[in-house]
Amino acid sequence: MRISIGIAWLVIVAAEMVVGQSRIGFFVWNEWNNLQISSIIVAIVMIGIVGLVLDQALGALMKQLSFRE
């Protein structure tokens, strides 16, 4: 599940770059076209933080639901 949520997050951001009209993927692509490197870096850090939070949340859920011996 943790790998799947990471891949899903990657695909969502990539799809937004291609066909999106708003949100983070479109923002990155738009800033790339405008050559605003500092904004791109901030957006990439935000994408990474969201991915980390999703991974940590699923890790905590896994610990709660796993069978203990």
N, C-alpha and C. Protein backbone atom coordinates (compact mmCIF):
# COMPACT_ATOMS: atom_id res chain seq x y z
N MET A 1 0.82 -1.20 0.00
CA MET A 1 0.00 0.00 0.00
C MET A 1 0.86 1.26 0.00
N ARG A 2 1.96 1.23 0.75
CA ARG A 2 2.79 2.42 0.80
C ARG A 2 3.43 2.71 -0.55
N ILE A 3 3.87 1.68 -1.23
CA ILE A 3 4.45 1.87 -2.57
C ILE A 3 3.37 2.35 -3.53
N SER A 4 2.18 1.77 -3.41
CA SER A 4 1.09 2.15 -4.31
C SER A 4 0.68 3.60 -4.12
N ILE A 5 0.62 4.08 -2.89
CA ILE A 5 0.23 5.47 -2.68
C ILE A 5 1.31 6.42 -3.21
N GLY A 6 2.57 6.02 -3.13
CA GLY A 6 3.65 6.83 -3.68
C GLY A 6 3.56 6.93 -5.20
N ILE A 7 3.30 5.80 -5.84
CA ILE A 7 3.16 5.80 -7.29
C ILE A 7 1.92 6.59 -7.71
N ALA A 8 0.84 6.43 -6.96
CA ALA A 8 -0.39 7.16 -7.28
C ALA A 8 -0.16 8.67 -7.16
N TRP A 9 0.55 9.10 -6.15
CA TRP A 9 0.84 10.53 -5.97
C TRP A 9 1.67 11.04 -7.14
N LEU A 10 2.66 10.26 -7.57
CA LEU A 10 3.49 10.64 -8.70
C LEU A 10 2.65 10.77 -9.97
N VAL A 11 1.76 9.83 -10.21
CA VAL A 11 0.92 9.86 -11.41
C VAL A 11 -0.06 11.03 -11.37
N ILE A 12 -0.61 11.32 -10.22
CA ILE A 12 -1.54 12.45 -10.10
C ILE A 12 -0.85 13.76 -10.46
N VAL A 13 0.34 13.97 -9.91
CA VAL A 13 1.07 15.22 -10.20
C VAL A 13 1.45 15.28 -11.68
N ALA A 14 1.90 14.16 -12.24
CA ALA A 14 2.27 14.15 -13.66
C ALA A 14 1.05 14.41 -14.55
N ALA A 15 -0.09 13.82 -14.21
CA ALA A 15 -1.30 14.04 -15.01
C ALA A 15 -1.75 15.50 -14.93
N GLU A 16 -1.60 16.11 -13.77
CA GLU A 16 -1.94 17.52 -13.65
C GLU A 16 -1.04 18.39 -14.51
N MET A 17 0.22 17.98 -14.66
CA MET A 17 1.13 18.74 -15.51
C MET A 17 0.68 18.70 -16.97
N VAL A 18 0.13 17.57 -17.39
CA VAL A 18 -0.24 17.39 -18.79
C VAL A 18 -1.59 18.03 -19.11
N VAL A 19 -2.61 17.73 -18.32
CA VAL A 19 -3.96 18.16 -18.68
C VAL A 19 -4.64 19.05 -17.64
N GLY A 20 -3.96 19.34 -16.55
CA GLY A 20 -4.60 20.10 -15.49
C GLY A 20 -4.73 21.57 -15.80
N GLN A 21 -5.69 22.20 -15.18
CA GLN A 21 -5.88 23.64 -15.30
C GLN A 21 -5.66 24.33 -13.96
N SER A 22 -5.38 23.56 -12.94
CA SER A 22 -5.10 24.11 -11.62
C SER A 22 -4.33 23.07 -10.82
N ARG A 23 -4.06 23.36 -9.61
CA ARG A 23 -3.37 22.50 -8.64
C ARG A 23 -1.86 22.50 -8.84
N ILE A 24 -1.20 21.63 -8.10
CA ILE A 24 0.26 21.70 -7.99
C ILE A 24 0.99 21.31 -9.27
N GLY A 25 0.53 20.29 -9.98
CA GLY A 25 1.19 19.89 -11.21
C GLY A 25 1.16 20.98 -12.27
N PHE A 26 0.00 21.58 -12.42
CA PHE A 26 -0.13 22.70 -13.36
C PHE A 26 0.74 23.87 -12.92
N PHE A 27 0.80 24.11 -11.62
CA PHE A 27 1.62 25.20 -11.10
C PHE A 27 3.09 24.99 -11.46
N VAL A 28 3.59 23.77 -11.27
CA VAL A 28 4.99 23.49 -11.60
C VAL A 28 5.23 23.71 -13.09
N TRP A 29 4.34 23.19 -13.92
CA TRP A 29 4.52 23.33 -15.37
C TRP A 29 4.45 24.79 -15.80
N ASN A 30 3.52 25.52 -15.24
CA ASN A 30 3.37 26.94 -15.57
C ASN A 30 4.59 27.74 -15.14
N GLU A 31 5.11 27.46 -13.97
CA GLU A 31 6.30 28.17 -13.49
C GLU A 31 7.53 27.78 -14.30
N TRP A 32 7.58 26.53 -14.78
CA TRP A 32 8.67 26.12 -15.65
C TRP A 32 8.65 26.94 -16.95
N ASN A 33 7.46 27.11 -17.50
CA ASN A 33 7.33 27.91 -18.72
C ASN A 33 7.67 29.37 -18.50
N ASN A 34 7.46 29.86 -17.28
CA ASN A 34 7.78 31.25 -16.94
C ASN A 34 9.19 31.42 -16.39
N LEU A 35 9.94 30.32 -16.29
CA LEU A 35 11.32 30.32 -15.79
C LEU A 35 11.44 30.87 -14.37
N GLN A 36 10.50 30.49 -13.52
CA GLN A 36 10.51 30.88 -12.12
C GLN A 36 11.05 29.71 -11.28
N ILE A 37 12.37 29.57 -11.25
CA ILE A 37 13.01 28.41 -10.64
C ILE A 37 12.72 28.33 -9.14
N SER A 38 12.70 29.44 -8.45
CA SER A 38 12.46 29.41 -7.00
C SER A 38 11.05 28.88 -6.69
N SER A 39 10.08 29.25 -7.49
CA SER A 39 8.72 28.74 -7.30
C SER A 39 8.64 27.25 -7.59
N ILE A 40 9.39 26.79 -8.58
CA ILE A 40 9.42 25.36 -8.91
C ILE A 40 10.00 24.57 -7.74
N ILE A 41 11.07 25.07 -7.16
CA ILE A 41 11.70 24.37 -6.04
C ILE A 41 10.76 24.29 -4.85
N VAL A 42 10.05 25.37 -4.56
CA VAL A 42 9.07 25.36 -3.46
C VAL A 42 7.97 24.33 -3.75
N ALA A 43 7.49 24.28 -4.97
CA ALA A 43 6.44 23.32 -5.33
C ALA A 43 6.94 21.89 -5.22
N ILE A 44 8.17 21.64 -5.64
CA ILE A 44 8.73 20.29 -5.54
C ILE A 44 8.89 19.88 -4.08
N VAL A 45 9.30 20.79 -3.24
CA VAL A 45 9.41 20.50 -1.81
C VAL A 45 8.03 20.19 -1.24
N MET A 46 7.01 20.95 -1.65
CA MET A 46 5.64 20.68 -1.18
C MET A 46 5.17 19.31 -1.63
N ILE A 47 5.46 18.94 -2.87
CA ILE A 47 5.08 17.62 -3.37
C ILE A 47 5.77 16.54 -2.54
N GLY A 48 7.04 16.73 -2.23
CA GLY A 48 7.77 15.77 -1.40
C GLY A 48 7.22 15.67 0.00
N ILE A 49 6.84 16.80 0.59
CA ILE A 49 6.29 16.78 1.95
C ILE A 49 4.95 16.04 1.98
N VAL A 50 4.11 16.29 0.99
CA VAL A 50 2.82 15.59 0.93
C VAL A 50 3.04 14.09 0.76
N GLY A 51 3.99 13.71 -0.10
CA GLY A 51 4.31 12.29 -0.27
C GLY A 51 4.82 11.67 1.02
N LEU A 52 5.67 12.39 1.75
CA LEU A 52 6.19 11.90 3.02
C LEU A 52 5.08 11.73 4.04
N VAL A 53 4.17 12.70 4.11
CA VAL A 53 3.04 12.61 5.05
C VAL A 53 2.15 11.42 4.71
N LEU A 54 1.87 11.21 3.42
CA LEU A 54 1.07 10.06 3.02
C LEU A 54 1.75 8.75 3.41
N ASP A 55 3.06 8.66 3.19
CA ASP A 55 3.80 7.46 3.54
C ASP A 55 3.80 7.22 5.05
N GLN A 56 4.02 8.27 5.81
CA GLN A 56 4.03 8.14 7.27
C GLN A 56 2.65 7.76 7.80
N ALA A 57 1.61 8.32 7.22
CA ALA A 57 0.25 8.00 7.65
C ALA A 57 -0.07 6.53 7.38
N LEU A 58 0.32 6.03 6.22
CA LEU A 58 0.07 4.62 5.93
C LEU A 58 0.95 3.72 6.79
N GLY A 59 2.17 4.16 7.12
CA GLY A 59 3.02 3.40 8.02
C GLY A 59 2.42 3.29 9.41
N ALA A 60 1.87 4.39 9.91
CA ALA A 60 1.22 4.37 11.22
C ALA A 60 -0.03 3.50 11.20
N LEU A 61 -0.78 3.57 10.11
CA LEU A 61 -1.97 2.73 9.98
C LEU A 61 -1.58 1.26 9.92
N MET A 62 -0.50 0.96 9.25
CA MET A 62 -0.01 -0.41 9.16
C MET A 62 0.35 -0.95 10.54
N LYS A 63 1.01 -0.12 11.35
CA LYS A 63 1.37 -0.56 12.70
C LYS A 63 0.13 -0.81 13.56
N GLN A 64 -0.90 0.01 13.37
CA GLN A 64 -2.13 -0.16 14.14
C GLN A 64 -2.89 -1.41 13.75
N LEU A 65 -2.87 -1.77 12.47
CA LEU A 65 -3.68 -2.87 11.97
C LEU A 65 -2.93 -4.19 11.83
N SER A 66 -1.61 -4.18 12.05
CA SER A 66 -0.84 -5.41 11.86
C SER A 66 -1.10 -6.38 13.01
N PHE A 67 -0.95 -7.65 12.72
CA PHE A 67 -1.15 -8.70 13.71
C PHE A 67 0.10 -8.80 14.56
N ARG A 68 -0.07 -8.69 15.86
CA ARG A 68 1.08 -8.74 16.78
C ARG A 68 1.15 -10.11 17.41
N GLU A 69 2.38 -10.58 17.59
CA GLU A 69 2.57 -11.91 18.20
C GLU A 69 2.68 -11.81 19.70
